[in-house]
């Protein structure tokens, strides 16, 4: 699975004390994202061209893969929200559509025999 994410341009998260802060940039503005480690899961993230983030939390569990995907959003620098992927999302949320397309591709990948190992 790690190779699949790397091939799609994702980075494996390296948490410190269960937290990770990621900064991106959109039109000269810095955007900060805060991720929390989910015990037992590997986390992968990818910056979109719009300065947003696409996140997958993945766990290989006895021959099957359990995963969750979302786009994090930090409101007013205080409240973290996880936006679900959405097919056909339009500006300014096009990254949710990109997340949806990646989720469909990942789902197809893990359903193929032999692709359930980390």
C-alpha atoms as a PDB file:
ATOM      1  CA  UNK A   1       0.000   0.000   0.000  1.00  0.00           C
ATOM      2  CA  UNK A   2       2.856   2.388   0.758  1.00  0.00           C
ATOM      3  CA  UNK A   3       3.977   2.128  -2.857  1.00  0.00           C
ATOM      4  CA  UNK A   4       0.485   2.963  -4.130  1.00  0.00           C
ATOM      5  CA  UNK A   5       0.358   6.145  -2.064  1.00  0.00           C
ATOM      6  CA  UNK A   6       3.893   7.143  -3.073  1.00  0.00           C
ATOM      7  CA  UNK A   7       2.997   6.639  -6.741  1.00  0.00           C
ATOM      8  CA  UNK A   8       0.048   9.027  -6.285  1.00  0.00           C
ATOM      9  CA  UNK A   9       2.258  11.732  -4.734  1.00  0.00           C
ATOM     10  CA  UNK A  10       1.349  11.141  -1.086  1.00  0.00           C
ATOM     11  CA  UNK A  11       3.695  11.547   1.882  1.00  0.00           C
ATOM     12  CA  UNK A  12       3.595   9.245   4.881  1.00  0.00           C
ATOM     13  CA  UNK A  13       2.872  11.235   8.042  1.00  0.00           C
ATOM     14  CA  UNK A  14       5.491  11.286  10.803  1.00  0.00           C
ATOM     15  CA  UNK A  15       3.744  12.324  13.991  1.00  0.00           C
ATOM     16  CA  UNK A  16       5.435  13.776  17.058  1.00  0.00           C
ATOM     17  CA  UNK A  17       3.560  13.189  20.298  1.00  0.00           C
ATOM     18  CA  UNK A  18       0.511  12.163  18.273  1.00  0.00           C
ATOM     19  CA  UNK A  19       0.292  15.414  16.296  1.00  0.00           C
ATOM     20  CA  UNK A  20       1.488  16.756  12.973  1.00  0.00           C
ATOM     21  CA  UNK A  21       1.305  20.298  11.668  1.00  0.00           C
ATOM     22  CA  UNK A  22       1.463  20.801   7.898  1.00  0.00           C
ATOM     23  CA  UNK A  23       1.689  24.142   6.129  1.00  0.00           C
ATOM     24  CA  UNK A  24       0.755  24.779   2.518  1.00  0.00           C
ATOM     25  CA  UNK A  25       0.426  27.905   0.449  1.00  0.00           C
ATOM     26  CA  UNK A  26      -2.316  29.284  -1.770  1.00  0.00           C
ATOM     27  CA  UNK A  27      -1.881  32.570  -3.633  1.00  0.00           C
ATOM     28  CA  UNK A  28       0.810  33.736  -1.214  1.00  0.00           C
ATOM     29  CA  UNK A  29      -1.237  32.862   1.888  1.00  0.00           C
ATOM     30  CA  UNK A  30      -0.007  30.246   4.355  1.00  0.00           C
ATOM     31  CA  UNK A  31      -2.521  27.568   5.331  1.00  0.00           C
ATOM     32  CA  UNK A  32      -1.936  25.421   8.425  1.00  0.00           C
ATOM     33  CA  UNK A  33      -3.396  21.950   8.924  1.00  0.00           C
ATOM     34  CA  UNK A  34      -3.286  19.959  12.145  1.00  0.00           C
ATOM     35  CA  UNK A  35      -3.497  16.186  11.993  1.00  0.00           C
ATOM     36  CA  UNK A  36      -3.892  13.868  14.975  1.00  0.00           C
ATOM     37  CA  UNK A  37      -2.483  10.374  14.937  1.00  0.00           C
ATOM     38  CA  UNK A  38      -5.069   7.622  14.803  1.00  0.00           C
ATOM     39  CA  UNK A  39      -3.673   4.662  16.778  1.00  0.00           C
ATOM     40  CA  UNK A  40      -3.057   1.581  14.643  1.00  0.00           C
ATOM     41  CA  UNK A  41      -3.366   3.455  11.341  1.00  0.00           C
ATOM     42  CA  UNK A  42      -0.803   4.729   8.860  1.00  0.00           C
ATOM     43  CA  UNK A  43      -1.581   8.242   7.655  1.00  0.00           C
ATOM     44  CA  UNK A  44      -0.781   9.560   4.182  1.00  0.00           C
ATOM     45  CA  UNK A  45      -1.352  13.110   2.959  1.00  0.00           C
ATOM     46  CA  UNK A  46      -1.104  14.990  -0.308  1.00  0.00           C
ATOM     47  CA  UNK A  47      -1.184  18.702  -1.002  1.00  0.00           C
ATOM     48  CA  UNK A  48      -3.470  19.743  -3.838  1.00  0.00           C
ATOM     49  CA  UNK A  49      -2.816  22.549  -6.302  1.00  0.00           C
ATOM     50  CA  UNK A  50      -5.302  24.652  -4.354  1.00  0.00           C
ATOM     51  CA  UNK A  51      -3.311  24.537  -1.116  1.00  0.00           C
ATOM     52  CA  UNK A  52      -5.700  21.991   0.401  1.00  0.00           C
ATOM     53  CA  UNK A  53      -4.841  18.581   1.822  1.00  0.00           C
ATOM     54  CA  UNK A  54      -6.126  15.089   1.042  1.00  0.00           C
ATOM     55  CA  UNK A  55      -5.634  12.578   3.853  1.00  0.00           C
ATOM     56  CA  UNK A  56      -5.971   8.794   4.041  1.00  0.00           C
ATOM     57  CA  UNK A  57      -5.781   6.818   7.294  1.00  0.00           C
ATOM     58  CA  UNK A  58      -5.141   3.143   6.521  1.00  0.00           C
ATOM     59  CA  UNK A  59      -4.853  -0.075   8.534  1.00  0.00           C
ATOM     60  CA  UNK A  60      -4.183  -3.611   7.293  1.00  0.00           C
ATOM     61  CA  UNK A  61      -6.315  -5.801   9.532  1.00  0.00           C
ATOM     62  CA  UNK A  62      -5.981  -9.560   9.061  1.00  0.00           C
ATOM     63  CA  UNK A  63      -6.002  -9.654   5.268  1.00  0.00           C
ATOM     64  CA  UNK A  64      -8.400  -6.767   4.783  1.00  0.00           C
ATOM     65  CA  UNK A  65      -7.797  -3.046   4.575  1.00  0.00           C
ATOM     66  CA  UNK A  66      -9.708  -0.568   6.720  1.00  0.00           C
ATOM     67  CA  UNK A  67      -9.390   3.065   5.672  1.00  0.00           C
ATOM     68  CA  UNK A  68     -10.841   6.513   5.934  1.00  0.00           C
ATOM     69  CA  UNK A  69     -10.238   9.474   3.658  1.00  0.00           C
ATOM     70  CA  UNK A  70     -10.970  13.140   4.171  1.00  0.00           C
ATOM     71  CA  UNK A  71      -9.890  16.720   3.572  1.00  0.00           C
ATOM     72  CA  UNK A  72      -8.975  18.496   6.813  1.00  0.00           C
ATOM     73  CA  UNK A  73     -10.132  22.029   7.432  1.00  0.00           C
ATOM     74  CA  UNK A  74      -9.054  24.267  10.292  1.00  0.00           C
ATOM     75  CA  UNK A  75     -11.708  26.879  11.022  1.00  0.00           C
ATOM     76  CA  UNK A  76     -10.530  30.152  12.558  1.00  0.00           C
ATOM     77  CA  UNK A  77      -7.303  28.402  13.578  1.00  0.00           C
ATOM     78  CA  UNK A  78      -9.176  26.551  16.324  1.00  0.00           C
ATOM     79  CA  UNK A  79     -11.669  23.948  15.147  1.00  0.00           C
ATOM     80  CA  UNK A  80     -10.557  20.992  13.072  1.00  0.00           C
ATOM     81  CA  UNK A  81     -13.103  19.514  10.696  1.00  0.00           C
ATOM     82  CA  UNK A  82     -12.873  16.510   8.399  1.00  0.00           C
ATOM     83  CA  UNK A  83     -14.624  17.178   5.099  1.00  0.00           C
ATOM     84  CA  UNK A  84     -15.743  14.051   3.261  1.00  0.00           C
ATOM     85  CA  UNK A  85     -14.671  13.516  -0.321  1.00  0.00           C
ATOM     86  CA  UNK A  86     -17.383  14.517  -2.777  1.00  0.00           C
ATOM     87  CA  UNK A  87     -17.781  13.518  -6.400  1.00  0.00           C
ATOM     88  CA  UNK A  88     -18.281  16.504  -8.670  1.00  0.00           C
ATOM     89  CA  UNK A  89     -17.404  19.115  -6.035  1.00  0.00           C
ATOM     90  CA  UNK A  90     -16.883  22.528  -7.605  1.00  0.00           C
ATOM     91  CA  UNK A  91     -14.710  25.507  -6.753  1.00  0.00           C
ATOM     92  CA  UNK A  92     -13.562  26.340  -4.189  1.00  0.00           C
ATOM     93  CA  UNK A  93     -13.800  22.700  -3.067  1.00  0.00           C
ATOM     94  CA  UNK A  94     -12.498  20.889  -6.172  1.00  0.00           C
ATOM     95  CA  UNK A  95      -9.958  19.095  -4.021  1.00  0.00           C
ATOM     96  CA  UNK A  96     -12.861  17.093  -2.523  1.00  0.00           C
ATOM     97  CA  UNK A  97     -13.554  15.729  -6.013  1.00  0.00           C
ATOM     98  CA  UNK A  98      -9.874  14.868  -6.420  1.00  0.00           C
ATOM     99  CA  UNK A  99     -10.064  13.042  -3.085  1.00  0.00           C
ATOM    100  CA  UNK A 100     -13.116  11.146  -4.294  1.00  0.00           C
ATOM    101  CA  UNK A 101     -11.322  10.028  -7.466  1.00  0.00           C
ATOM    102  CA  UNK A 102      -8.303   8.905  -5.422  1.00  0.00           C
ATOM    103  CA  UNK A 103     -10.577   7.052  -2.981  1.00  0.00           C
ATOM    104  CA  UNK A 104     -12.214   5.148  -5.859  1.00  0.00           C
ATOM    105  CA  UNK A 105      -8.793   4.238  -7.265  1.00  0.00           C
ATOM    106  CA  UNK A 106      -7.527   3.126  -3.841  1.00  0.00           C
ATOM    107  CA  UNK A 107     -10.658   1.055  -3.251  1.00  0.00           C
ATOM    108  CA  UNK A 108     -10.083  -0.714  -6.580  1.00  0.00           C
ATOM    109  CA  UNK A 109      -6.424  -1.253  -5.680  1.00  0.00           C
ATOM    110  CA  UNK A 110      -7.110  -2.870  -2.284  1.00  0.00           C
ATOM    111  CA  UNK A 111      -9.775  -5.151  -3.758  1.00  0.00           C
ATOM    112  CA  UNK A 112      -7.196  -6.683  -6.086  1.00  0.00           C
ATOM    113  CA  UNK A 113      -5.629  -9.905  -4.758  1.00  0.00           C
ATOM    114  CA  UNK A 114      -2.324  -9.434  -2.951  1.00  0.00           C
ATOM    115  CA  UNK A 115      -2.731  -5.701  -2.282  1.00  0.00           C
ATOM    116  CA  UNK A 116      -3.738  -5.894   1.375  1.00  0.00           C
ATOM    117  CA  UNK A 117      -0.231  -5.784   2.834  1.00  0.00           C
ATOM    118  CA  UNK A 118       1.271  -2.541   4.097  1.00  0.00           C
END
